[in-house]
Amino acid sequence: MSARPRREDVRARYEAAAERHRSDGDRRRLAHALRHLAEIHTENRRLELADECLSEALGIYEPMADLPALELANTVRPLALLREAQGRRDEAMTAWREARALYERSGVQAGVDECDAHLADGPESEGRVGP
């Protein structure tokens, strides 16, 4: 038996955390848990559930003026991955561009590099014009 937690155990922990933070009113931690749930749902091809989690997380973050750019970048990134998984390439490219700007503002080169890699594979590289 591996010491590494199983994916379903991790999902259950984030679901419990989301419910706990929903109950205790800690909206920022709720959004954080929802982001991680969305990533797990996307990996498991539960795309509708991932979409619901990210929509709620981004809705929570939207009015937070003091939100660090890195925290938002780390939520926009899974949105880009989700849009790719859904085949919504134009929306994915928009999310990758937003995440890239946020990672750059945060000084996280690895995030910038990941975004650049996805953007290089986008519609513009195939001769199509994106948004």
N, C-alpha and C. Protein backbone atom coordinates (compact mmCIF):
# COMPACT_ATOMS: atom_id res chain seq x y z
N MET A 1 0.84 -1.18 0.00
CA MET A 1 0.00 0.00 0.00
C MET A 1 0.89 1.24 0.00
N SER A 2 0.62 2.14 -0.90
CA SER A 2 1.39 3.36 -1.03
C SER A 2 0.99 4.37 0.05
N ALA A 3 1.97 5.20 0.45
CA ALA A 3 1.68 6.26 1.43
C ALA A 3 0.98 7.43 0.75
N ARG A 4 0.97 7.43 -0.55
CA ARG A 4 0.32 8.50 -1.30
C ARG A 4 -1.19 8.33 -1.26
N PRO A 5 -1.93 9.40 -0.91
CA PRO A 5 -3.39 9.27 -0.82
C PRO A 5 -4.01 9.00 -2.19
N ARG A 6 -5.05 8.20 -2.19
CA ARG A 6 -5.76 7.93 -3.44
C ARG A 6 -6.53 9.17 -3.87
N ARG A 7 -6.73 9.27 -5.15
CA ARG A 7 -7.43 10.42 -5.72
C ARG A 7 -8.81 10.64 -5.09
N GLU A 8 -9.53 9.57 -4.89
CA GLU A 8 -10.88 9.70 -4.30
C GLU A 8 -10.81 10.16 -2.85
N ASP A 9 -9.75 9.76 -2.13
CA ASP A 9 -9.57 10.24 -0.76
C ASP A 9 -9.30 11.74 -0.76
N VAL A 10 -8.47 12.17 -1.69
CA VAL A 10 -8.15 13.59 -1.80
C VAL A 10 -9.42 14.38 -2.16
N ARG A 11 -10.17 13.86 -3.12
CA ARG A 11 -11.43 14.51 -3.50
C ARG A 11 -12.34 14.64 -2.30
N ALA A 12 -12.48 13.58 -1.53
CA ALA A 12 -13.36 13.60 -0.36
C ALA A 12 -12.88 14.64 0.67
N ARG A 13 -11.58 14.76 0.82
CA ARG A 13 -11.05 15.76 1.76
C ARG A 13 -11.37 17.17 1.31
N TYR A 14 -11.21 17.44 0.01
CA TYR A 14 -11.53 18.78 -0.49
C TYR A 14 -13.03 19.06 -0.43
N GLU A 15 -13.84 18.05 -0.66
CA GLU A 15 -15.29 18.24 -0.52
C GLU A 15 -15.64 18.58 0.92
N ALA A 16 -15.03 17.87 1.87
CA ALA A 16 -15.27 18.15 3.29
C ALA A 16 -14.79 19.56 3.65
N ALA A 17 -13.63 19.94 3.13
CA ALA A 17 -13.11 21.28 3.39
C ALA A 17 -14.03 22.34 2.82
N ALA A 18 -14.52 22.11 1.61
CA ALA A 18 -15.44 23.08 1.00
C ALA A 18 -16.70 23.23 1.85
N GLU A 19 -17.25 22.14 2.30
CA GLU A 19 -18.46 22.22 3.14
C GLU A 19 -18.17 22.91 4.47
N ARG A 20 -17.02 22.61 5.05
CA ARG A 20 -16.65 23.25 6.32
C ARG A 20 -16.52 24.76 6.13
N HIS A 21 -15.85 25.18 5.06
CA HIS A 21 -15.66 26.61 4.83
C HIS A 21 -16.95 27.29 4.38
N ARG A 22 -17.80 26.55 3.72
CA ARG A 22 -19.12 27.10 3.37
C ARG A 22 -19.90 27.37 4.66
N SER A 23 -19.81 26.45 5.61
CA SER A 23 -20.52 26.60 6.89
C SER A 23 -19.92 27.67 7.78
N ASP A 24 -18.59 27.75 7.81
CA ASP A 24 -17.97 28.72 8.72
C ASP A 24 -17.81 30.11 8.10
N GLY A 25 -18.20 30.24 6.82
CA GLY A 25 -18.19 31.55 6.17
C GLY A 25 -16.83 32.01 5.66
N ASP A 26 -15.84 31.13 5.65
CA ASP A 26 -14.51 31.50 5.15
C ASP A 26 -14.51 31.35 3.63
N ARG A 27 -14.92 32.40 2.98
CA ARG A 27 -15.13 32.35 1.53
C ARG A 27 -13.83 32.15 0.76
N ARG A 28 -12.75 32.73 1.23
CA ARG A 28 -11.49 32.59 0.51
C ARG A 28 -11.00 31.14 0.55
N ARG A 29 -11.10 30.50 1.69
CA ARG A 29 -10.71 29.10 1.78
C ARG A 29 -11.69 28.20 1.04
N LEU A 30 -12.95 28.59 1.01
CA LEU A 30 -13.93 27.86 0.21
C LEU A 30 -13.52 27.89 -1.26
N ALA A 31 -13.17 29.07 -1.76
CA ALA A 31 -12.76 29.19 -3.16
C ALA A 31 -11.52 28.34 -3.44
N HIS A 32 -10.59 28.33 -2.50
CA HIS A 32 -9.37 27.54 -2.65
C HIS A 32 -9.71 26.04 -2.74
N ALA A 33 -10.57 25.57 -1.86
CA ALA A 33 -10.98 24.15 -1.89
C ALA A 33 -11.72 23.83 -3.19
N LEU A 34 -12.57 24.74 -3.64
CA LEU A 34 -13.32 24.53 -4.88
C LEU A 34 -12.38 24.43 -6.08
N ARG A 35 -11.32 25.24 -6.07
CA ARG A 35 -10.34 25.17 -7.17
C ARG A 35 -9.71 23.79 -7.23
N HIS A 36 -9.31 23.28 -6.08
CA HIS A 36 -8.70 21.95 -6.07
C HIS A 36 -9.69 20.87 -6.46
N LEU A 37 -10.93 21.01 -6.03
CA LEU A 37 -11.97 20.05 -6.46
C LEU A 37 -12.15 20.10 -7.97
N ALA A 38 -12.13 21.28 -8.53
CA ALA A 38 -12.28 21.43 -9.98
C ALA A 38 -11.15 20.73 -10.72
N GLU A 39 -9.94 20.85 -10.21
CA GLU A 39 -8.80 20.18 -10.85
C GLU A 39 -8.99 18.66 -10.82
N ILE A 40 -9.45 18.14 -9.70
CA ILE A 40 -9.69 16.69 -9.58
C ILE A 40 -10.80 16.27 -10.52
N HIS A 41 -11.88 17.04 -10.56
CA HIS A 41 -13.00 16.71 -11.46
C HIS A 41 -12.55 16.75 -12.92
N THR A 42 -11.72 17.72 -13.29
CA THR A 42 -11.24 17.80 -14.67
C THR A 42 -10.39 16.57 -14.99
N GLU A 43 -9.50 16.20 -14.09
CA GLU A 43 -8.67 15.01 -14.31
C GLU A 43 -9.52 13.76 -14.47
N ASN A 44 -10.64 13.69 -13.78
CA ASN A 44 -11.53 12.53 -13.83
C ASN A 44 -12.61 12.67 -14.90
N ARG A 45 -12.49 13.71 -15.74
CA ARG A 45 -13.44 13.96 -16.84
C ARG A 45 -14.85 14.23 -16.34
N ARG A 46 -14.98 14.75 -15.15
CA ARG A 46 -16.28 15.21 -14.62
C ARG A 46 -16.34 16.72 -14.87
N LEU A 47 -16.46 17.04 -16.15
CA LEU A 47 -16.26 18.42 -16.59
C LEU A 47 -17.36 19.36 -16.11
N GLU A 48 -18.58 18.88 -16.03
CA GLU A 48 -19.67 19.75 -15.55
C GLU A 48 -19.44 20.13 -14.08
N LEU A 49 -19.02 19.15 -13.28
CA LEU A 49 -18.74 19.42 -11.87
C LEU A 49 -17.55 20.38 -11.73
N ALA A 50 -16.54 20.18 -12.56
CA ALA A 50 -15.38 21.08 -12.54
C ALA A 50 -15.81 22.51 -12.88
N ASP A 51 -16.67 22.64 -13.89
CA ASP A 51 -17.16 23.95 -14.30
C ASP A 51 -17.91 24.63 -13.17
N GLU A 52 -18.76 23.88 -12.47
CA GLU A 52 -19.51 24.44 -11.35
C GLU A 52 -18.58 24.93 -10.25
N CYS A 53 -17.57 24.13 -9.92
CA CYS A 53 -16.63 24.51 -8.86
C CYS A 53 -15.85 25.77 -9.24
N LEU A 54 -15.35 25.83 -10.47
CA LEU A 54 -14.58 27.00 -10.89
C LEU A 54 -15.44 28.23 -11.00
N SER A 55 -16.65 28.09 -11.47
CA SER A 55 -17.56 29.25 -11.55
C SER A 55 -17.80 29.82 -10.16
N GLU A 56 -18.03 28.94 -9.20
CA GLU A 56 -18.26 29.42 -7.83
C GLU A 56 -16.99 30.05 -7.27
N ALA A 57 -15.84 29.41 -7.46
CA ALA A 57 -14.58 29.95 -6.93
C ALA A 57 -14.29 31.33 -7.52
N LEU A 58 -14.41 31.46 -8.83
CA LEU A 58 -14.13 32.75 -9.47
C LEU A 58 -15.15 33.80 -9.04
N GLY A 59 -16.39 33.40 -8.83
CA GLY A 59 -17.40 34.33 -8.33
C GLY A 59 -17.08 34.83 -6.93
N ILE A 60 -16.49 33.97 -6.12
CA ILE A 60 -16.07 34.37 -4.78
C ILE A 60 -14.90 35.33 -4.86
N TYR A 61 -13.94 35.03 -5.72
CA TYR A 61 -12.74 35.86 -5.84
C TYR A 61 -13.01 37.22 -6.47
N GLU A 62 -13.97 37.30 -7.37
CA GLU A 62 -14.18 38.52 -8.16
C GLU A 62 -14.24 39.80 -7.33
N PRO A 63 -15.00 39.84 -6.24
CA PRO A 63 -15.07 41.11 -5.50
C PRO A 63 -13.91 41.35 -4.53
N MET A 64 -12.97 40.43 -4.43
CA MET A 64 -11.87 40.55 -3.47
C MET A 64 -10.75 41.41 -4.04
N ALA A 65 -10.73 42.67 -3.67
CA ALA A 65 -9.74 43.60 -4.19
C ALA A 65 -8.32 43.27 -3.71
N ASP A 66 -8.21 42.64 -2.55
CA ASP A 66 -6.89 42.36 -1.98
C ASP A 66 -6.37 40.96 -2.32
N LEU A 67 -7.02 40.29 -3.25
CA LEU A 67 -6.62 38.94 -3.62
C LEU A 67 -5.27 38.97 -4.33
N PRO A 68 -4.29 38.19 -3.86
CA PRO A 68 -3.00 38.14 -4.55
C PRO A 68 -3.17 37.60 -5.97
N ALA A 69 -2.41 38.19 -6.89
CA ALA A 69 -2.49 37.78 -8.29
C ALA A 69 -2.20 36.29 -8.45
N LEU A 70 -1.28 35.75 -7.64
CA LEU A 70 -0.94 34.34 -7.75
C LEU A 70 -2.13 33.45 -7.40
N GLU A 71 -2.90 33.84 -6.41
CA GLU A 71 -4.07 33.03 -6.04
C GLU A 71 -5.08 33.00 -7.18
N LEU A 72 -5.27 34.14 -7.83
CA LEU A 72 -6.18 34.18 -8.97
C LEU A 72 -5.60 33.40 -10.15
N ALA A 73 -4.31 33.54 -10.39
CA ALA A 73 -3.66 32.80 -11.48
C ALA A 73 -3.85 31.30 -11.29
N ASN A 74 -3.72 30.86 -10.04
CA ASN A 74 -3.85 29.44 -9.75
C ASN A 74 -5.30 28.94 -9.87
N THR A 75 -6.23 29.84 -10.06
CA THR A 75 -7.62 29.46 -10.32
C THR A 75 -7.96 29.60 -11.80
N VAL A 76 -7.37 30.57 -12.46
CA VAL A 76 -7.60 30.75 -13.89
C VAL A 76 -6.92 29.63 -14.68
N ARG A 77 -5.78 29.15 -14.21
CA ARG A 77 -5.08 28.05 -14.87
C ARG A 77 -5.95 26.81 -15.01
N PRO A 78 -6.59 26.32 -13.92
CA PRO A 78 -7.47 25.15 -14.10
C PRO A 78 -8.68 25.45 -14.98
N LEU A 79 -9.10 26.73 -15.03
CA LEU A 79 -10.17 27.09 -15.96
C LEU A 79 -9.70 26.88 -17.40
N ALA A 80 -8.48 27.29 -17.69
CA ALA A 80 -7.92 27.09 -19.03
C ALA A 80 -7.84 25.60 -19.37
N LEU A 81 -7.38 24.80 -18.42
CA LEU A 81 -7.32 23.36 -18.65
C LEU A 81 -8.71 22.76 -18.86
N LEU A 82 -9.67 23.23 -18.10
CA LEU A 82 -11.05 22.75 -18.26
C LEU A 82 -11.58 23.12 -19.64
N ARG A 83 -11.37 24.36 -20.05
CA ARG A 83 -11.88 24.78 -21.37
C ARG A 83 -11.22 23.96 -22.48
N GLU A 84 -9.95 23.62 -22.32
CA GLU A 84 -9.30 22.75 -23.30
C GLU A 84 -9.99 21.38 -23.32
N ALA A 85 -10.24 20.82 -22.14
CA ALA A 85 -10.88 19.51 -22.05
C ALA A 85 -12.28 19.53 -22.63
N GLN A 86 -12.94 20.67 -22.57
CA GLN A 86 -14.29 20.81 -23.13
C GLN A 86 -14.26 21.10 -24.63
N GLY A 87 -13.07 21.30 -25.18
CA GLY A 87 -12.96 21.63 -26.60
C GLY A 87 -13.30 23.08 -26.90
N ARG A 88 -13.28 23.93 -25.91
CA ARG A 88 -13.61 25.35 -26.06
C ARG A 88 -12.30 26.13 -26.16
N ARG A 89 -11.63 25.96 -27.31
CA ARG A 89 -10.27 26.47 -27.48
C ARG A 89 -10.14 27.98 -27.37
N ASP A 90 -11.06 28.73 -27.93
CA ASP A 90 -10.95 30.19 -27.85
C ASP A 90 -11.02 30.65 -26.40
N GLU A 91 -11.94 30.07 -25.63
CA GLU A 91 -12.05 30.42 -24.22
C GLU A 91 -10.82 29.95 -23.45
N ALA A 92 -10.28 28.81 -23.82
CA ALA A 92 -9.06 28.32 -23.18
C ALA A 92 -7.92 29.29 -23.42
N MET A 93 -7.77 29.77 -24.65
CA MET A 93 -6.68 30.69 -24.97
C MET A 93 -6.83 32.00 -24.19
N THR A 94 -8.06 32.47 -24.06
CA THR A 94 -8.31 33.68 -23.28
C THR A 94 -7.88 33.46 -21.83
N ALA A 95 -8.23 32.31 -21.27
CA ALA A 95 -7.86 32.00 -19.89
C ALA A 95 -6.35 31.84 -19.76
N TRP A 96 -5.70 31.21 -20.74
CA TRP A 96 -4.24 31.07 -20.67
C TRP A 96 -3.57 32.43 -20.70
N ARG A 97 -4.07 33.35 -21.53
CA ARG A 97 -3.48 34.69 -21.58
C ARG A 97 -3.65 35.41 -20.24
N GLU A 98 -4.84 35.27 -19.64
CA GLU A 98 -5.08 35.90 -18.34
C GLU A 98 -4.18 35.29 -17.26
N ALA A 99 -4.09 33.98 -17.24
CA ALA A 99 -3.23 33.31 -16.26
C ALA A 99 -1.78 33.74 -16.45
N ARG A 100 -1.35 33.83 -17.71
CA ARG A 100 0.04 34.23 -17.98
C ARG A 100 0.34 35.60 -17.39
N ALA A 101 -0.57 36.56 -17.63
CA ALA A 101 -0.37 37.92 -17.11
C ALA A 101 -0.31 37.91 -15.58
N LEU A 102 -1.15 37.11 -14.97
CA LEU A 102 -1.17 37.03 -13.50
C LEU A 102 0.09 36.37 -12.96
N TYR A 103 0.55 35.30 -13.62
CA TYR A 103 1.80 34.66 -13.19
C TYR A 103 2.99 35.60 -13.38
N GLU A 104 2.98 36.33 -14.49
CA GLU A 104 4.06 37.28 -14.74
C GLU A 104 4.08 38.36 -13.66
N ARG A 105 2.90 38.89 -13.33
CA ARG A 105 2.79 39.91 -12.28
C ARG A 105 3.27 39.35 -10.94
N SER A 106 3.09 38.05 -10.73
CA SER A 106 3.48 37.41 -9.47
C SER A 106 4.93 36.97 -9.46
N GLY A 107 5.60 37.06 -10.61
CA GLY A 107 6.99 36.64 -10.70
C GLY A 107 7.19 35.14 -10.68
N VAL A 108 6.19 34.40 -11.19
CA VAL A 108 6.27 32.93 -11.19
C VAL A 108 6.57 32.48 -12.63
N GLN A 109 7.85 32.31 -12.91
CA GLN A 109 8.28 31.99 -14.27
C GLN A 109 7.74 30.64 -14.74
N ALA A 110 7.66 29.66 -13.84
CA ALA A 110 7.15 28.34 -14.24
C ALA A 110 5.71 28.46 -14.74
N GLY A 111 4.92 29.31 -14.11
CA GLY A 111 3.55 29.53 -14.56
C GLY A 111 3.50 30.21 -15.91
N VAL A 112 4.35 31.21 -16.10
CA VAL A 112 4.45 31.90 -17.39
C VAL A 112 4.83 30.90 -18.48
N ASP A 113 5.81 30.06 -18.18
CA ASP A 113 6.29 29.09 -19.18
C ASP A 113 5.19 28.10 -19.56
N GLU A 114 4.44 27.61 -18.55
CA GLU A 114 3.34 26.69 -18.86
C GLU A 114 2.30 27.36 -19.75
N CYS A 115 1.95 28.59 -19.40
CA CYS A 115 0.97 29.31 -20.21
C CYS A 115 1.48 29.51 -21.63
N ASP A 116 2.73 29.90 -21.76
CA ASP A 116 3.32 30.09 -23.09
C ASP A 116 3.25 28.82 -23.91
N ALA A 117 3.51 27.68 -23.27
CA ALA A 117 3.46 26.40 -23.99
C ALA A 117 2.07 26.12 -24.52
N HIS A 118 1.06 26.40 -23.72
CA HIS A 118 -0.32 26.18 -24.18
C HIS A 118 -0.71 27.20 -25.24
N LEU A 119 -0.28 28.43 -25.06
CA LEU A 119 -0.61 29.46 -26.05
C LEU A 119 0.06 29.18 -27.39
N ALA A 120 1.25 28.59 -27.36
CA ALA A 120 1.94 28.24 -28.61
C ALA A 120 1.18 27.17 -29.39
N ASP A 121 0.40 26.36 -28.68
CA ASP A 121 -0.40 25.32 -29.32
C ASP A 121 -1.79 25.80 -29.70
N GLY A 122 -2.06 27.09 -29.48
CA GLY A 122 -3.40 27.63 -29.66
C GLY A 122 -3.77 27.91 -31.10
N PRO A 123 -4.95 28.48 -31.29
CA PRO A 123 -5.48 28.74 -32.64
C PRO A 123 -4.54 29.57 -33.51
N GLU A 124 -3.82 30.53 -32.90
CA GLU A 124 -2.95 31.38 -33.70
C GLU A 124 -1.84 30.57 -34.36
N SER A 125 -1.38 29.49 -33.66
CA SER A 125 -0.30 28.68 -34.24
C SER A 125 -0.80 27.81 -35.38
N GLU A 126 -2.10 27.69 -35.52
CA GLU A 126 -2.68 26.89 -36.59
C GLU A 126 -3.21 27.77 -37.73
N GLY A 127 -2.85 29.04 -37.69
CA GLY A 127 -3.26 29.94 -38.75
C GLY A 127 -4.64 30.54 -38.55
N ARG A 128 -5.28 30.23 -37.43
CA ARG A 128 -6.58 30.84 -37.14
C ARG A 128 -6.36 32.04 -36.24
N VAL A 129 -7.27 32.96 -36.33
CA VAL A 129 -7.19 34.14 -35.48
C VAL A 129 -8.08 33.92 -34.28
N GLY A 130 -7.48 34.05 -33.08
CA GLY A 130 -8.23 33.89 -31.83
C GLY A 130 -8.80 35.21 -31.36
N PRO A 131 -9.41 35.19 -30.17
CA PRO A 131 -10.01 36.42 -29.64
C PRO A 131 -8.98 37.45 -29.29
